[in-house]
């Protein structure tokens, strides 16, 4: 079993252990949606350079019409300069490690706010709630150790929805974190036991691996 997990690994395993096996054990990769990935990557890079004080005029000049809307919405929404941009983390959770990168971290009035830039459509369902708890937990561990915060309630996450210029703030929720913790333990146990053929078939039709997966073809 792996000892290091990203949010993508956990979300994949929560939906389909067979897909987790193909992606993270067998290392099979399929092409992504090139246009969507390109837009997200370009905007994230531009924002990161902007926060680092670099001149981004040339980069902003090559954005297409849709990307310019996202960029202008970001500039209208940004709450100031962050404590850190593209902030990497590596924290302990039980006997495994969680790793990832926060788009930006802000610190004001004894509170930590994790920013996540969303360039496409977004809704905060169960899967997204899992992501929120993942990052809030990591921020809590890191900044509690630095004595910058003193309680889990000092950490919130804000999704910046650049497509429509709105924000969604998620404060710490004890019940949501308990659900995350319990779900995580169940997922890890299934991975540990190698239960990769126990799939639900709920997500099969939309899965990019459906033509490779023997369970789908049966």
Foldseek 3Di string as FASTA:
>chain_A
DAQEDELVLLLVLLAALLVSCVCPVVVDDDDDPVVQVVLVVLLLVLVQCVLVVHDCVVSLVPDDPLSVLLVVLCVVPPPDRFPHAQAWFWADDPRGIYIDTFRTWHADPLAIETEDEDSDDDDCDLSNLLVQLSVLVRCCVVVVVVVSHPDSQSYKYKYQHSNVSDIDIGGDDPVSNVVSSVSSVVSVVCVVVVVNPPHDCPCLVVDPCNVVDPVNVD
